[in-house]
């Protein structure tokens, strides 16, 4: 399996599915706000900085880009961080992942 196919497969493995008019469909995921903590990391972004690459550097998992996006109130329509932006990277990933599980299991 190619690396891209592997990433695609793992990205959706925890997303709930449903049926819409008999066709399998993914349930829309909700992404929680990420609470500020005193041990969070801060970096100033450069021209080619991308949220998925930063997530991979800090968490070892590029699919966790949304944690950084939500921590900084960035829109989810681009993986590129604004140039010269002081980007907050949450240090305690377990809090964000716990909140993600909570908001998506409540429905």
N, C-alpha and C. Protein backbone atom coordinates (compact mmCIF):
# COMPACT_ATOMS: atom_id res chain seq x y z
N UNK A 1 0.84 -1.18 0.00
CA UNK A 1 0.00 0.00 0.00
C UNK A 1 0.89 1.25 0.00
N UNK A 2 0.56 2.22 -0.83
CA UNK A 2 1.32 3.47 -0.89
C UNK A 2 1.10 4.27 0.38
N UNK A 3 2.05 5.16 0.70
CA UNK A 3 1.95 5.99 1.90
C UNK A 3 0.68 6.83 1.88
N UNK A 4 0.32 7.41 0.71
CA UNK A 4 -0.88 8.23 0.62
C UNK A 4 -2.13 7.40 0.92
N UNK A 5 -2.18 6.18 0.42
CA UNK A 5 -3.32 5.31 0.68
C UNK A 5 -3.38 4.93 2.15
N UNK A 6 -2.24 4.71 2.77
CA UNK A 6 -2.19 4.37 4.18
C UNK A 6 -2.70 5.53 5.03
N UNK A 7 -2.27 6.77 4.72
CA UNK A 7 -2.74 7.93 5.46
C UNK A 7 -4.23 8.12 5.27
N UNK A 8 -4.73 7.91 4.05
CA UNK A 8 -6.15 8.06 3.78
C UNK A 8 -6.94 7.03 4.58
N UNK A 9 -6.44 5.83 4.65
CA UNK A 9 -7.14 4.76 5.38
C UNK A 9 -7.20 5.07 6.87
N UNK A 10 -6.12 5.53 7.46
CA UNK A 10 -6.12 5.79 8.90
C UNK A 10 -6.85 7.07 9.25
N UNK A 11 -6.95 8.01 8.34
CA UNK A 11 -7.61 9.27 8.63
C UNK A 11 -9.08 9.06 8.97
N UNK A 12 -9.72 8.11 8.33
CA UNK A 12 -11.15 7.90 8.51
C UNK A 12 -11.50 6.71 9.38
N UNK A 13 -10.54 6.05 9.97
CA UNK A 13 -10.83 4.82 10.69
C UNK A 13 -11.71 4.99 11.92
N UNK A 14 -11.71 6.16 12.55
CA UNK A 14 -12.50 6.36 13.76
C UNK A 14 -13.79 7.16 13.51
N UNK A 15 -14.04 7.54 12.28
CA UNK A 15 -15.23 8.32 11.98
C UNK A 15 -16.43 7.39 11.83
N UNK A 16 -17.51 7.75 12.50
CA UNK A 16 -18.73 6.96 12.44
C UNK A 16 -19.33 7.00 11.04
N UNK A 17 -20.01 5.92 10.68
CA UNK A 17 -20.70 5.88 9.40
C UNK A 17 -22.19 5.69 9.63
N UNK A 18 -22.95 6.08 8.65
CA UNK A 18 -24.40 5.92 8.67
C UNK A 18 -24.84 5.56 7.26
N UNK A 19 -26.13 5.43 7.06
CA UNK A 19 -26.64 5.18 5.71
C UNK A 19 -27.56 6.33 5.34
N UNK A 20 -27.38 6.85 4.15
CA UNK A 20 -28.21 7.92 3.62
C UNK A 20 -28.83 7.39 2.34
N UNK A 21 -30.14 7.17 2.36
CA UNK A 21 -30.85 6.58 1.23
C UNK A 21 -30.20 5.29 0.77
N UNK A 22 -29.80 4.47 1.76
CA UNK A 22 -29.21 3.17 1.48
C UNK A 22 -27.74 3.18 1.12
N UNK A 23 -27.14 4.36 1.05
CA UNK A 23 -25.72 4.48 0.67
C UNK A 23 -24.91 4.80 1.91
N UNK A 24 -23.81 4.07 2.15
CA UNK A 24 -22.97 4.37 3.32
C UNK A 24 -22.38 5.78 3.22
N UNK A 25 -22.38 6.49 4.35
CA UNK A 25 -21.82 7.85 4.39
C UNK A 25 -21.16 8.07 5.73
N UNK A 26 -20.15 8.94 5.74
CA UNK A 26 -19.48 9.31 6.98
C UNK A 26 -20.32 10.35 7.72
N UNK A 27 -20.35 10.26 9.04
CA UNK A 27 -21.03 11.23 9.88
C UNK A 27 -20.11 12.43 10.04
N UNK A 28 -20.67 13.63 9.89
CA UNK A 28 -19.87 14.84 10.04
C UNK A 28 -19.25 14.89 11.43
N UNK A 29 -17.98 15.23 11.49
CA UNK A 29 -17.26 15.32 12.76
C UNK A 29 -17.27 16.75 13.28
N UNK A 30 -17.36 16.89 14.58
CA UNK A 30 -17.30 18.18 15.23
C UNK A 30 -15.92 18.32 15.87
N UNK A 31 -15.36 19.52 15.78
CA UNK A 31 -14.04 19.76 16.34
C UNK A 31 -14.15 20.76 17.48
N UNK A 32 -13.72 20.38 18.67
CA UNK A 32 -13.87 21.25 19.85
C UNK A 32 -12.85 22.37 19.89
N UNK A 33 -13.16 23.37 20.69
CA UNK A 33 -12.16 24.41 20.98
C UNK A 33 -11.08 23.75 21.82
N UNK A 34 -9.86 24.26 21.70
CA UNK A 34 -8.75 23.70 22.46
C UNK A 34 -8.36 24.71 23.53
N UNK A 35 -8.44 24.27 24.77
CA UNK A 35 -8.22 25.13 25.93
C UNK A 35 -6.75 25.54 26.03
N UNK A 36 -6.53 26.79 26.36
CA UNK A 36 -5.18 27.33 26.57
C UNK A 36 -4.57 26.71 27.82
N UNK A 37 -3.30 26.34 27.73
CA UNK A 37 -2.58 25.78 28.88
C UNK A 37 -1.23 26.49 29.01
N UNK A 38 -0.73 26.54 30.22
CA UNK A 38 0.53 27.25 30.47
C UNK A 38 1.74 26.57 29.85
N UNK A 39 1.63 25.28 29.52
CA UNK A 39 2.78 24.56 28.94
C UNK A 39 2.69 24.41 27.42
N UNK A 40 1.79 25.14 26.77
CA UNK A 40 1.70 25.09 25.31
C UNK A 40 2.96 25.67 24.68
N UNK A 41 3.23 25.22 23.46
CA UNK A 41 4.38 25.71 22.70
C UNK A 41 3.92 26.84 21.78
N UNK A 42 4.84 27.76 21.49
CA UNK A 42 4.56 28.85 20.55
C UNK A 42 5.68 28.90 19.53
N UNK A 43 5.29 29.00 18.27
CA UNK A 43 6.27 29.15 17.20
C UNK A 43 5.82 30.27 16.27
N UNK A 44 6.77 30.94 15.66
CA UNK A 44 6.44 31.94 14.65
C UNK A 44 6.53 31.25 13.30
N UNK A 45 5.47 31.34 12.54
CA UNK A 45 5.38 30.61 11.29
C UNK A 45 6.14 31.31 10.16
N UNK A 46 6.67 30.48 9.27
CA UNK A 46 7.37 30.96 8.09
C UNK A 46 6.55 30.73 6.83
N UNK A 47 7.15 30.99 5.71
CA UNK A 47 6.46 30.96 4.41
C UNK A 47 5.90 29.59 4.07
N UNK A 48 6.62 28.53 4.28
CA UNK A 48 6.17 27.20 3.87
C UNK A 48 5.63 26.34 5.01
N UNK A 49 5.35 26.93 6.15
CA UNK A 49 4.84 26.15 7.27
C UNK A 49 3.41 25.71 7.01
N UNK A 50 3.18 24.41 7.23
CA UNK A 50 1.85 23.84 7.07
C UNK A 50 1.45 23.18 8.38
N UNK A 51 0.17 23.25 8.67
CA UNK A 51 -0.33 22.70 9.93
C UNK A 51 -0.11 21.20 10.04
N UNK A 52 -0.25 20.48 8.93
CA UNK A 52 -0.06 19.02 8.99
C UNK A 52 1.40 18.67 9.26
N UNK A 53 2.32 19.44 8.72
CA UNK A 53 3.74 19.17 8.96
C UNK A 53 4.14 19.53 10.39
N UNK A 54 3.56 20.61 10.90
CA UNK A 54 3.82 21.02 12.29
C UNK A 54 3.26 19.97 13.24
N UNK A 55 2.05 19.47 12.95
CA UNK A 55 1.44 18.42 13.77
C UNK A 55 2.31 17.16 13.75
N UNK A 56 2.85 16.85 12.60
CA UNK A 56 3.72 15.67 12.50
C UNK A 56 4.99 15.86 13.33
N UNK A 57 5.56 17.06 13.31
CA UNK A 57 6.77 17.36 14.09
C UNK A 57 6.50 17.25 15.60
N UNK A 58 5.37 17.78 16.05
CA UNK A 58 5.08 17.81 17.49
C UNK A 58 4.42 16.54 18.00
N UNK A 59 3.53 15.95 17.20
CA UNK A 59 2.74 14.82 17.67
C UNK A 59 3.07 13.50 16.98
N UNK A 60 3.87 13.57 15.92
CA UNK A 60 4.17 12.36 15.16
C UNK A 60 3.01 11.87 14.32
N UNK A 61 2.02 12.74 14.06
CA UNK A 61 0.82 12.36 13.32
C UNK A 61 0.30 13.59 12.57
N UNK A 62 0.43 13.59 11.25
CA UNK A 62 0.02 14.75 10.45
C UNK A 62 -1.49 14.96 10.43
N UNK A 63 -2.28 13.91 10.74
CA UNK A 63 -3.73 14.06 10.71
C UNK A 63 -4.27 14.86 11.89
N UNK A 64 -3.40 15.19 12.84
CA UNK A 64 -3.83 15.99 13.99
C UNK A 64 -3.65 17.49 13.77
N UNK A 65 -3.57 17.91 12.51
CA UNK A 65 -3.44 19.33 12.15
C UNK A 65 -4.60 20.14 12.72
N UNK A 66 -5.77 19.51 12.81
CA UNK A 66 -6.96 20.22 13.28
C UNK A 66 -6.80 20.71 14.73
N UNK A 67 -5.99 20.01 15.54
CA UNK A 67 -5.77 20.43 16.93
C UNK A 67 -5.12 21.82 16.93
N UNK A 68 -4.13 21.99 16.08
CA UNK A 68 -3.43 23.28 16.00
C UNK A 68 -4.34 24.35 15.39
N UNK A 69 -5.10 23.97 14.37
CA UNK A 69 -6.04 24.92 13.75
C UNK A 69 -7.07 25.41 14.77
N UNK A 70 -7.65 24.50 15.54
CA UNK A 70 -8.66 24.87 16.52
C UNK A 70 -8.06 25.68 17.67
N UNK A 71 -6.83 25.37 18.06
CA UNK A 71 -6.18 26.11 19.15
C UNK A 71 -5.92 27.56 18.77
N UNK A 72 -5.84 27.83 17.47
CA UNK A 72 -5.53 29.17 17.00
C UNK A 72 -6.70 29.83 16.27
N UNK A 73 -7.88 29.23 16.35
CA UNK A 73 -9.08 29.74 15.68
C UNK A 73 -8.85 29.98 14.19
N UNK A 74 -8.12 29.07 13.56
CA UNK A 74 -7.86 29.16 12.12
C UNK A 74 -8.95 28.41 11.36
N UNK A 75 -9.31 28.90 10.17
CA UNK A 75 -10.30 28.17 9.39
C UNK A 75 -9.72 26.84 8.92
N UNK A 76 -10.57 25.87 8.68
CA UNK A 76 -10.11 24.56 8.26
C UNK A 76 -10.01 24.40 6.76
N UNK A 77 -9.99 25.51 6.02
CA UNK A 77 -9.97 25.42 4.56
C UNK A 77 -8.56 25.43 3.96
N UNK A 78 -7.54 25.50 4.80
CA UNK A 78 -6.16 25.51 4.32
C UNK A 78 -5.24 24.92 5.38
N UNK A 79 -4.24 24.20 4.93
CA UNK A 79 -3.25 23.66 5.86
C UNK A 79 -2.09 24.62 6.08
N UNK A 80 -2.05 25.71 5.31
CA UNK A 80 -0.97 26.68 5.45
C UNK A 80 -1.25 27.63 6.59
N UNK A 81 -0.24 27.83 7.43
CA UNK A 81 -0.35 28.78 8.53
C UNK A 81 -0.03 30.18 8.01
N UNK A 82 -0.68 31.20 8.56
CA UNK A 82 -0.36 32.57 8.14
C UNK A 82 1.10 32.89 8.42
N UNK A 83 1.77 33.51 7.49
CA UNK A 83 3.19 33.86 7.63
C UNK A 83 3.37 34.89 8.75
N UNK A 84 4.35 34.65 9.63
CA UNK A 84 4.65 35.57 10.71
C UNK A 84 3.68 35.48 11.87
N UNK A 85 2.84 34.49 11.88
CA UNK A 85 1.83 34.29 12.91
C UNK A 85 2.44 33.56 14.11
N UNK A 86 2.11 34.00 15.32
CA UNK A 86 2.55 33.27 16.51
C UNK A 86 1.55 32.15 16.74
N UNK A 87 1.96 30.96 16.40
CA UNK A 87 1.10 29.78 16.40
C UNK A 87 1.23 29.03 17.73
N UNK A 88 0.11 28.77 18.34
CA UNK A 88 0.09 28.01 19.60
C UNK A 88 -0.08 26.54 19.28
N UNK A 89 0.80 25.72 19.80
CA UNK A 89 0.73 24.27 19.62
C UNK A 89 0.46 23.67 20.99
N UNK A 90 -0.75 23.11 21.20
CA UNK A 90 -1.07 22.53 22.51
C UNK A 90 -0.10 21.43 22.90
N UNK A 91 0.39 21.51 24.13
CA UNK A 91 1.36 20.53 24.61
C UNK A 91 0.69 19.22 25.03
N UNK A 92 -0.49 19.33 25.61
CA UNK A 92 -1.18 18.13 26.10
C UNK A 92 -2.24 17.69 25.10
N UNK A 93 -1.85 16.83 24.21
CA UNK A 93 -2.73 16.35 23.15
C UNK A 93 -3.91 15.55 23.69
N UNK A 94 -3.74 14.90 24.82
CA UNK A 94 -4.80 14.05 25.36
C UNK A 94 -6.06 14.86 25.71
N UNK A 95 -5.90 16.10 26.12
CA UNK A 95 -7.06 16.94 26.44
C UNK A 95 -7.87 17.20 25.18
N UNK A 96 -7.21 17.60 24.10
CA UNK A 96 -7.91 17.87 22.84
C UNK A 96 -8.58 16.62 22.28
N UNK A 97 -7.89 15.50 22.33
CA UNK A 97 -8.46 14.26 21.82
C UNK A 97 -9.63 13.78 22.68
N UNK A 98 -9.55 13.99 23.98
CA UNK A 98 -10.66 13.65 24.86
C UNK A 98 -11.89 14.48 24.56
N UNK A 99 -11.69 15.79 24.36
CA UNK A 99 -12.80 16.68 24.00
C UNK A 99 -13.40 16.28 22.66
N UNK A 100 -12.55 15.92 21.70
CA UNK A 100 -13.02 15.47 20.38
C UNK A 100 -13.92 14.24 20.52
N UNK A 101 -13.47 13.27 21.32
CA UNK A 101 -14.28 12.07 21.56
C UNK A 101 -15.61 12.43 22.23
N UNK A 102 -15.56 13.31 23.22
CA UNK A 102 -16.77 13.69 23.94
C UNK A 102 -17.81 14.32 23.03
N UNK A 103 -17.41 15.31 22.23
CA UNK A 103 -18.40 16.02 21.39
C UNK A 103 -18.93 15.13 20.27
N UNK A 104 -18.16 14.17 19.82
CA UNK A 104 -18.62 13.33 18.73
C UNK A 104 -19.36 12.08 19.20
N UNK A 105 -19.22 11.72 20.47
CA UNK A 105 -19.96 10.57 21.00
C UNK A 105 -21.27 10.96 21.63
N UNK A 106 -21.48 12.27 21.87
CA UNK A 106 -22.71 12.75 22.48
C UNK A 106 -23.90 12.70 21.53
N UNK A 107 -23.65 12.64 20.23
CA UNK A 107 -24.75 12.71 19.26
C UNK A 107 -25.38 11.38 19.03
